[in-house]
Amino acid sequence: MQQEYPGQKRILVAVDSIIFGFDGVNIKLLLVKRSLKPESGKWSLMGGFVDPFETPEDAAIRVLEERTGLKNVYIDQFRVFGSPGRDPVERTISIAYFALIDIQQYEQQLSGEHNPVWFLLNEMPEMIFDHEEMVKMALRQLRYKAALHPILFQLLPGKFTIPQLQALYEEVYQTKFDDRNFSRKLLSTGLLVKLAEKDKLSSKKGAFYYQLDQSNYEQKFGSFLNLVPNPDKFF
């Protein structure tokens, strides 16, 4: 049965952000507790309404900063959620974005006002409305786009090792990649700059640090096309 809204002549437009973070080991999701009725006190994505004189992307950036204190975060619009009845109060269409952040880099910037909490993807609590569906679709879109483009670098610190990057991909796709093939394909993209410094905490031999070559980022944006074998099986 579809939800009815007696007397409602307007349709509200909202934005919701699915914020993925990486702590060096695990992919996590950032949630807050809803402060409004109905469903107050339940877990929610970062969301808000689009103001009359701003674009949906501007609204998503504003809401993200207001709710978390974070600025200059990578966001990507991926779907509109507009099923009648998704919001029990008023007919509301939500434009959904996913955001990518390095948890360790932004840990001190998170605003305490809204008490955001990081959850492992396999330990997500019950969420309001259709937010669980949003998360599932956002993860699907993240896997699709990361199989084609180097967007996962947004989840890493400025310098990283090949094993760290492989651990990130394995966490996103929930699978194990062959070490040699992954390293070979990664280096063949031409997007990494090898540094003289090594990470010696993970092993005695140590692993060289790399940086993303920003000067070639635009030209080689499609060079990750074959990094993830048979990406369709993950969707």
C-alpha atoms as a PDB file:
ATOM      1  CA  MET A   1       0.000   0.000   0.000  1.00  0.00           C
ATOM      2  CA  GLN A   2       1.405   3.363  -0.979  1.00  0.00           C
ATOM      3  CA  GLN A   3       1.738   6.166   1.546  1.00  0.00           C
ATOM      4  CA  GLU A   4      -0.706   9.025   1.068  1.00  0.00           C
ATOM      5  CA  TYR A   5      -0.066  12.640   2.061  1.00  0.00           C
ATOM      6  CA  PRO A   6      -3.457  14.382   2.378  1.00  0.00           C
ATOM      7  CA  GLY A   7      -3.349  18.004   1.278  1.00  0.00           C
ATOM      8  CA  GLN A   8       0.313  17.998   0.347  1.00  0.00           C
ATOM      9  CA  LYS A   9       0.968  20.000  -2.807  1.00  0.00           C
ATOM     10  CA  ARG A  10       4.747  20.169  -2.599  1.00  0.00           C
ATOM     11  CA  ILE A  11       7.507  17.633  -3.062  1.00  0.00           C
ATOM     12  CA  LEU A  12      10.610  18.130  -0.959  1.00  0.00           C
ATOM     13  CA  VAL A  13      14.122  17.553  -2.318  1.00  0.00           C
ATOM     14  CA  ALA A  14      16.773  16.244   0.057  1.00  0.00           C
ATOM     15  CA  VAL A  15      20.364  15.045  -0.174  1.00  0.00           C
ATOM     16  CA  ASP A  16      21.851  12.079   1.687  1.00  0.00           C
ATOM     17  CA  SER A  17      25.541  11.217   1.869  1.00  0.00           C
ATOM     18  CA  ILE A  18      26.896   7.719   2.370  1.00  0.00           C
ATOM     19  CA  ILE A  19      30.315   8.410   3.905  1.00  0.00           C
ATOM     20  CA  PHE A  20      32.855   5.617   3.497  1.00  0.00           C
ATOM     21  CA  GLY A  21      36.128   5.774   5.413  1.00  0.00           C
ATOM     22  CA  PHE A  22      39.248   3.614   5.556  1.00  0.00           C
ATOM     23  CA  ASP A  23      41.321   3.292   8.743  1.00  0.00           C
ATOM     24  CA  GLY A  24      44.178   1.364   7.140  1.00  0.00           C
ATOM     25  CA  VAL A  25      42.515  -1.991   7.793  1.00  0.00           C
ATOM     26  CA  ASN A  26      38.742  -1.731   7.441  1.00  0.00           C
ATOM     27  CA  ILE A  27      36.167   0.107   5.334  1.00  0.00           C
ATOM     28  CA  LYS A  28      33.669   1.842   7.599  1.00  0.00           C
ATOM     29  CA  LEU A  29      30.436   3.825   7.351  1.00  0.00           C
ATOM     30  CA  LEU A  30      29.785   7.093   9.215  1.00  0.00           C
ATOM     31  CA  LEU A  31      26.323   7.471  10.797  1.00  0.00           C
ATOM     32  CA  VAL A  32      24.560   9.851  13.166  1.00  0.00           C
ATOM     33  CA  LYS A  33      21.474   9.528  15.351  1.00  0.00           C
ATOM     34  CA  ARG A  34      18.413  11.289  13.959  1.00  0.00           C
ATOM     35  CA  SER A  35      17.262  14.243  16.057  1.00  0.00           C
ATOM     36  CA  LEU A  36      13.859  14.775  14.407  1.00  0.00           C
ATOM     37  CA  LYS A  37      10.557  12.924  14.661  1.00  0.00           C
ATOM     38  CA  PRO A  38       9.628  10.391  13.480  1.00  0.00           C
ATOM     39  CA  GLU A  39      12.372   7.823  14.136  1.00  0.00           C
ATOM     40  CA  SER A  40      14.276  10.222  16.419  1.00  0.00           C
ATOM     41  CA  GLY A  41      17.196   8.535  18.132  1.00  0.00           C
ATOM     42  CA  LYS A  42      17.665   5.982  15.357  1.00  0.00           C
ATOM     43  CA  TRP A  43      20.735   5.771  13.152  1.00  0.00           C
ATOM     44  CA  SER A  44      20.759   7.805   9.960  1.00  0.00           C
ATOM     45  CA  LEU A  45      22.919   8.855   7.053  1.00  0.00           C
ATOM     46  CA  MET A  46      24.100  12.462   6.800  1.00  0.00           C
ATOM     47  CA  GLY A  47      21.203  14.260   5.172  1.00  0.00           C
ATOM     48  CA  GLY A  48      19.335  17.519   4.779  1.00  0.00           C
ATOM     49  CA  PHE A  49      17.129  19.524   2.443  1.00  0.00           C
ATOM     50  CA  VAL A  50      18.218  21.454  -0.634  1.00  0.00           C
ATOM     51  CA  ASP A  51      17.828  25.191  -0.148  1.00  0.00           C
ATOM     52  CA  PRO A  52      15.987  27.186  -2.858  1.00  0.00           C
ATOM     53  CA  PHE A  53      19.113  28.821  -4.275  1.00  0.00           C
ATOM     54  CA  GLU A  54      21.680  26.001  -4.165  1.00  0.00           C
ATOM     55  CA  THR A  55      22.428  22.997  -6.354  1.00  0.00           C
ATOM     56  CA  PRO A  56      22.059  19.481  -4.940  1.00  0.00           C
ATOM     57  CA  GLU A  57      25.864  19.101  -4.903  1.00  0.00           C
ATOM     58  CA  ASP A  58      26.246  22.390  -3.011  1.00  0.00           C
ATOM     59  CA  ALA A  59      23.641  21.138  -0.542  1.00  0.00           C
ATOM     60  CA  ALA A  60      25.470  17.827  -0.074  1.00  0.00           C
ATOM     61  CA  ILE A  61      28.752  19.669   0.573  1.00  0.00           C
ATOM     62  CA  ARG A  62      27.060  22.064   3.012  1.00  0.00           C
ATOM     63  CA  VAL A  63      25.269  19.306   4.943  1.00  0.00           C
ATOM     64  CA  LEU A  64      28.451  17.251   5.111  1.00  0.00           C
ATOM     65  CA  GLU A  65      30.369  20.182   6.601  1.00  0.00           C
ATOM     66  CA  GLU A  66      27.568  21.110   9.010  1.00  0.00           C
ATOM     67  CA  ARG A  67      27.162  17.567  10.295  1.00  0.00           C
ATOM     68  CA  THR A  68      30.817  16.487  10.434  1.00  0.00           C
ATOM     69  CA  GLY A  69      33.029  19.567  10.173  1.00  0.00           C
ATOM     70  CA  LEU A  70      34.692  18.044   7.097  1.00  0.00           C
ATOM     71  CA  LYS A  71      35.706  20.124   4.075  1.00  0.00           C
ATOM     72  CA  ASN A  72      37.084  19.313   0.611  1.00  0.00           C
ATOM     73  CA  VAL A  73      35.770  15.757   0.722  1.00  0.00           C
ATOM     74  CA  TYR A  74      35.413  13.669  -2.453  1.00  0.00           C
ATOM     75  CA  ILE A  75      31.703  13.183  -3.213  1.00  0.00           C
ATOM     76  CA  ASP A  76      29.957  11.548  -6.141  1.00  0.00           C
ATOM     77  CA  GLN A  77      26.248  11.586  -6.989  1.00  0.00           C
ATOM     78  CA  PHE A  78      25.023   8.096  -7.831  1.00  0.00           C
ATOM     79  CA  ARG A  79      21.229   7.762  -7.612  1.00  0.00           C
ATOM     80  CA  VAL A  80      17.880   9.395  -6.853  1.00  0.00           C
ATOM     81  CA  PHE A  81      15.615   7.679  -4.313  1.00  0.00           C
ATOM     82  CA  GLY A  82      12.013   8.698  -4.759  1.00  0.00           C
ATOM     83  CA  SER A  83       9.671   5.851  -3.878  1.00  0.00           C
ATOM     84  CA  PRO A  84       6.321   7.165  -2.603  1.00  0.00           C
ATOM     85  CA  GLY A  85       6.168   6.599   1.132  1.00  0.00           C
ATOM     86  CA  ARG A  86       9.918   6.481   1.722  1.00  0.00           C
ATOM     87  CA  ASP A  87       9.439   9.387   4.151  1.00  0.00           C
ATOM     88  CA  PRO A  88       6.316   8.964   6.347  1.00  0.00           C
ATOM     89  CA  VAL A  89       5.896  12.705   6.968  1.00  0.00           C
ATOM     90  CA  GLU A  90       6.044  14.361   3.539  1.00  0.00           C
ATOM     91  CA  ARG A  91       6.632  13.264  -0.037  1.00  0.00           C
ATOM     92  CA  THR A  92      10.406  13.575  -0.304  1.00  0.00           C
ATOM     93  CA  ILE A  93      12.865  12.781  -3.075  1.00  0.00           C
ATOM     94  CA  SER A  94      16.466  12.236  -2.013  1.00  0.00           C
ATOM     95  CA  ILE A  95      19.520  12.710  -4.219  1.00  0.00           C
ATOM     96  CA  ALA A  96      22.190  10.367  -2.885  1.00  0.00           C
ATOM     97  CA  TYR A  97      25.963  10.856  -2.882  1.00  0.00           C
ATOM     98  CA  PHE A  98      28.790   8.715  -1.648  1.00  0.00           C
ATOM     99  CA  ALA A  99      31.791  10.341  -0.007  1.00  0.00           C
ATOM    100  CA  LEU A 100      35.320   8.971   0.524  1.00  0.00           C
ATOM    101  CA  ILE A 101      37.647  10.006   3.327  1.00  0.00           C
ATOM    102  CA  ASP A 102      40.834   8.837   5.024  1.00  0.00           C
ATOM    103  CA  ILE A 103      39.663   8.269   8.600  1.00  0.00           C
ATOM    104  CA  GLN A 104      43.077   8.911  10.134  1.00  0.00           C
ATOM    105  CA  GLN A 105      43.457  12.218   8.284  1.00  0.00           C
ATOM    106  CA  TYR A 106      40.053  13.575   9.287  1.00  0.00           C
ATOM    107  CA  GLU A 107      39.636  11.966  12.703  1.00  0.00           C
ATOM    108  CA  GLN A 108      40.271  15.232  14.575  1.00  0.00           C
ATOM    109  CA  GLN A 109      37.974  17.241  12.297  1.00  0.00           C
ATOM    110  CA  LEU A 110      34.776  15.328  12.952  1.00  0.00           C
ATOM    111  CA  SER A 111      32.251  17.547  14.697  1.00  0.00           C
ATOM    112  CA  GLY A 112      31.151  16.306  18.098  1.00  0.00           C
ATOM    113  CA  GLU A 113      27.825  18.162  17.994  1.00  0.00           C
ATOM    114  CA  HIS A 114      26.033  15.402  16.082  1.00  0.00           C
ATOM    115  CA  ASN A 115      28.080  12.536  17.580  1.00  0.00           C
ATOM    116  CA  PRO A 116      28.979  10.750  14.335  1.00  0.00           C
ATOM    117  CA  VAL A 117      30.045   7.121  14.792  1.00  0.00           C
ATOM    118  CA  TRP A 118      32.000   4.800  12.486  1.00  0.00           C
ATOM    119  CA  PHE A 119      30.555   1.320  11.861  1.00  0.00           C
ATOM    120  CA  LEU A 120      32.041  -1.696  10.100  1.00  0.00           C
ATOM    121  CA  LEU A 121      29.966  -2.547   7.034  1.00  0.00           C
ATOM    122  CA  ASN A 122      29.099  -5.966   8.425  1.00  0.00           C
ATOM    123  CA  GLU A 123      28.041  -4.441  11.753  1.00  0.00           C
ATOM    124  CA  MET A 124      25.705  -1.692  10.553  1.00  0.00           C
ATOM    125  CA  PRO A 125      22.809  -0.927  12.911  1.00  0.00           C
ATOM    126  CA  GLU A 126      19.200  -0.617  11.832  1.00  0.00           C
ATOM    127  CA  MET A 127      18.704   2.677   9.976  1.00  0.00           C
ATOM    128  CA  ILE A 128      15.747   4.919   9.239  1.00  0.00           C
ATOM    129  CA  PHE A 129      13.606   4.870   6.102  1.00  0.00           C
ATOM    130  CA  ASP A 130      15.430   3.402   3.063  1.00  0.00           C
ATOM    131  CA  HIS A 131      18.943   4.271   4.220  1.00  0.00           C
ATOM    132  CA  GLU A 132      20.065   0.639   4.305  1.00  0.00           C
ATOM    133  CA  GLU A 133      19.147   0.321   0.625  1.00  0.00           C
ATOM    134  CA  MET A 134      21.079   3.530  -0.071  1.00  0.00           C
ATOM    135  CA  VAL A 135      24.202   2.079   1.541  1.00  0.00           C
ATOM    136  CA  LYS A 136      23.964  -1.127  -0.478  1.00  0.00           C
ATOM    137  CA  MET A 137      23.555   0.802  -3.738  1.00  0.00           C
ATOM    138  CA  ALA A 138      26.390   3.185  -2.820  1.00  0.00           C
ATOM    139  CA  LEU A 139      28.755   0.269  -2.188  1.00  0.00           C
ATOM    140  CA  ARG A 140      27.755  -1.241  -5.518  1.00  0.00           C
ATOM    141  CA  GLN A 141      28.480   2.058  -7.281  1.00  0.00           C
ATOM    142  CA  LEU A 142      31.782   2.453  -5.420  1.00  0.00           C
ATOM    143  CA  ARG A 143      32.899  -0.997  -6.581  1.00  0.00           C
ATOM    144  CA  TYR A 144      31.855  -0.260 -10.134  1.00  0.00           C
ATOM    145  CA  LYS A 145      33.632   3.076 -10.363  1.00  0.00           C
ATOM    146  CA  ALA A 146      36.759   1.907  -8.492  1.00  0.00           C
ATOM    147  CA  ALA A 147      37.144  -0.879 -11.060  1.00  0.00           C
ATOM    148  CA  LEU A 148      37.509   1.766 -13.766  1.00  0.00           C
ATOM    149  CA  HIS A 149      39.104   4.791 -12.095  1.00  0.00           C
ATOM    150  CA  PRO A 150      41.586   5.523  -9.265  1.00  0.00           C
ATOM    151  CA  ILE A 151      39.025   7.009  -6.864  1.00  0.00           C
ATOM    152  CA  LEU A 152      40.064   4.807  -3.919  1.00  0.00           C
ATOM    153  CA  PHE A 153      43.177   6.942  -3.460  1.00  0.00           C
ATOM    154  CA  GLN A 154      40.784   9.358  -1.715  1.00  0.00           C
ATOM    155  CA  LEU A 155      40.691   6.859   1.167  1.00  0.00           C
ATOM    156  CA  LEU A 156      44.481   6.781   1.616  1.00  0.00           C
ATOM    157  CA  PRO A 157      47.034   9.130   3.205  1.00  0.00           C
ATOM    158  CA  GLY A 158      49.361  11.154   0.974  1.00  0.00           C
ATOM    159  CA  LYS A 159      51.980   8.397   0.950  1.00  0.00           C
ATOM    160  CA  PHE A 160      51.210   4.687   1.044  1.00  0.00           C
ATOM    161  CA  THR A 161      52.686   1.282   0.239  1.00  0.00           C
ATOM    162  CA  ILE A 162      51.542  -1.197  -2.385  1.00  0.00           C
ATOM    163  CA  PRO A 163      50.424  -3.647   0.350  1.00  0.00           C
ATOM    164  CA  GLN A 164      48.321  -0.876   1.938  1.00  0.00           C
ATOM    165  CA  LEU A 165      46.660  -0.101  -1.371  1.00  0.00           C
ATOM    166  CA  GLN A 166      46.033  -3.791  -2.035  1.00  0.00           C
ATOM    167  CA  ALA A 167      44.497  -4.179   1.435  1.00  0.00           C
ATOM    168  CA  LEU A 168      42.137  -1.307   0.593  1.00  0.00           C
ATOM    169  CA  TYR A 169      41.010  -2.917  -2.669  1.00  0.00           C
ATOM    170  CA  GLU A 170      40.555  -6.281  -0.984  1.00  0.00           C
ATOM    171  CA  GLU A 171      38.434  -4.661   1.709  1.00  0.00           C
ATOM    172  CA  VAL A 172      36.227  -2.817  -0.814  1.00  0.00           C
ATOM    173  CA  TYR A 173      35.693  -5.906  -2.975  1.00  0.00           C
ATOM    174  CA  GLN A 174      35.740  -8.412  -0.128  1.00  0.00           C
ATOM    175  CA  THR A 175      38.118 -10.697  -2.010  1.00  0.00           C
ATOM    176  CA  LYS A 176      41.811 -11.611  -2.213  1.00  0.00           C
ATOM    177  CA  PHE A 177      43.962 -10.427  -5.122  1.00  0.00           C
ATOM    178  CA  ASP A 178      47.137 -12.121  -6.274  1.00  0.00           C
ATOM    179  CA  ASP A 179      50.031 -10.072  -4.864  1.00  0.00           C
ATOM    180  CA  ARG A 180      52.273 -10.122  -7.945  1.00  0.00           C
ATOM    181  CA  ASN A 181      49.527  -9.472 -10.477  1.00  0.00           C
ATOM    182  CA  PHE A 182      48.028  -6.662  -8.426  1.00  0.00           C
ATOM    183  CA  SER A 183      51.399  -4.945  -7.976  1.00  0.00           C
ATOM    184  CA  ARG A 184      52.286  -5.344 -11.653  1.00  0.00           C
ATOM    185  CA  LYS A 185      48.961  -3.950 -12.871  1.00  0.00           C
ATOM    186  CA  LEU A 186      49.093  -1.107 -10.365  1.00  0.00           C
ATOM    187  CA  LEU A 187      52.569   0.024 -11.387  1.00  0.00           C
ATOM    188  CA  SER A 188      51.697  -0.246 -15.081  1.00  0.00           C
ATOM    189  CA  THR A 189      49.053   2.492 -14.706  1.00  0.00           C
ATOM    190  CA  GLY A 190      51.784   5.143 -14.591  1.00  0.00           C
ATOM    191  CA  LEU A 191      50.011   6.923 -11.751  1.00  0.00           C
ATOM    192  CA  LEU A 192      52.394   6.110  -8.914  1.00  0.00           C
ATOM    193  CA  VAL A 193      55.579   7.906  -7.905  1.00  0.00           C
ATOM    194  CA  LYS A 194      58.025   5.785  -5.908  1.00  0.00           C
ATOM    195  CA  LEU A 195      59.582   7.491  -2.876  1.00  0.00           C
ATOM    196  CA  ALA A 196      62.969   6.773  -1.299  1.00  0.00           C
ATOM    197  CA  GLU A 197      61.352   6.272   2.117  1.00  0.00           C
ATOM    198  CA  LYS A 198      60.252   2.850   3.360  1.00  0.00           C
ATOM    199  CA  ASP A 199      57.620   1.638   5.789  1.00  0.00           C
ATOM    200  CA  LYS A 200      59.572  -0.648   8.115  1.00  0.00           C
ATOM    201  CA  LEU A 201      56.828  -1.255  10.639  1.00  0.00           C
ATOM    202  CA  SER A 202      55.078  -3.970   8.631  1.00  0.00           C
ATOM    203  CA  SER A 203      58.172  -6.104   7.888  1.00  0.00           C
ATOM    204  CA  LYS A 204      61.938  -6.196   8.438  1.00  0.00           C
ATOM    205  CA  LYS A 205      62.612  -5.666   4.728  1.00  0.00           C
ATOM    206  CA  GLY A 206      60.167  -2.811   4.546  1.00  0.00           C
ATOM    207  CA  ALA A 207      57.991  -1.592   1.688  1.00  0.00           C
ATOM    208  CA  PHE A 208      58.631   1.535  -0.345  1.00  0.00           C
ATOM    209  CA  TYR A 209      56.177   4.386  -0.046  1.00  0.00           C
ATOM    210  CA  TYR A 210      54.425   5.743  -3.139  1.00  0.00           C
ATOM    211  CA  GLN A 211      52.463   8.866  -3.964  1.00  0.00           C
ATOM    212  CA  LEU A 212      49.747   9.479  -6.517  1.00  0.00           C
ATOM    213  CA  ASP A 213      51.126  11.363  -9.533  1.00  0.00           C
ATOM    214  CA  GLN A 214      48.699  14.281  -9.601  1.00  0.00           C
ATOM    215  CA  SER A 215      50.274  15.696 -12.796  1.00  0.00           C
ATOM    216  CA  ASN A 216      49.097  12.649 -14.789  1.00  0.00           C
ATOM    217  CA  TYR A 217      45.846  12.046 -12.913  1.00  0.00           C
ATOM    218  CA  GLU A 218      43.523  13.516 -15.531  1.00  0.00           C
ATOM    219  CA  GLN A 219      45.300  11.909 -18.518  1.00  0.00           C
ATOM    220  CA  LYS A 220      45.473   8.475 -16.895  1.00  0.00           C
ATOM    221  CA  PHE A 221      42.094   8.514 -15.151  1.00  0.00           C
ATOM    222  CA  GLY A 222      40.996   5.496 -17.176  1.00  0.00           C
ATOM    223  CA  SER A 223      44.189   3.488 -16.704  1.00  0.00           C
ATOM    224  CA  PHE A 224      42.696   1.369 -13.918  1.00  0.00           C
ATOM    225  CA  LEU A 225      40.320  -0.341 -16.332  1.00  0.00           C
ATOM    226  CA  ASN A 226      41.861  -3.799 -15.896  1.00  0.00           C
ATOM    227  CA  LEU A 227      43.039  -3.527 -12.288  1.00  0.00           C
ATOM    228  CA  VAL A 228      40.068  -5.502 -10.915  1.00  0.00           C
ATOM    229  CA  PRO A 229      39.593  -8.781 -12.853  1.00  0.00           C
ATOM    230  CA  ASN A 230      36.005  -9.588 -13.860  1.00  0.00           C
ATOM    231  CA  PRO A 231      34.474  -6.642 -11.948  1.00  0.00           C
ATOM    232  CA  ASP A 232      30.934  -7.629 -12.950  1.00  0.00           C
ATOM    233  CA  LYS A 233      30.978 -10.480 -10.424  1.00  0.00           C
ATOM    234  CA  PHE A 234      31.042  -7.974  -7.570  1.00  0.00           C
ATOM    235  CA  PHE A 235      27.874  -6.094  -8.641  1.00  0.00           C
END
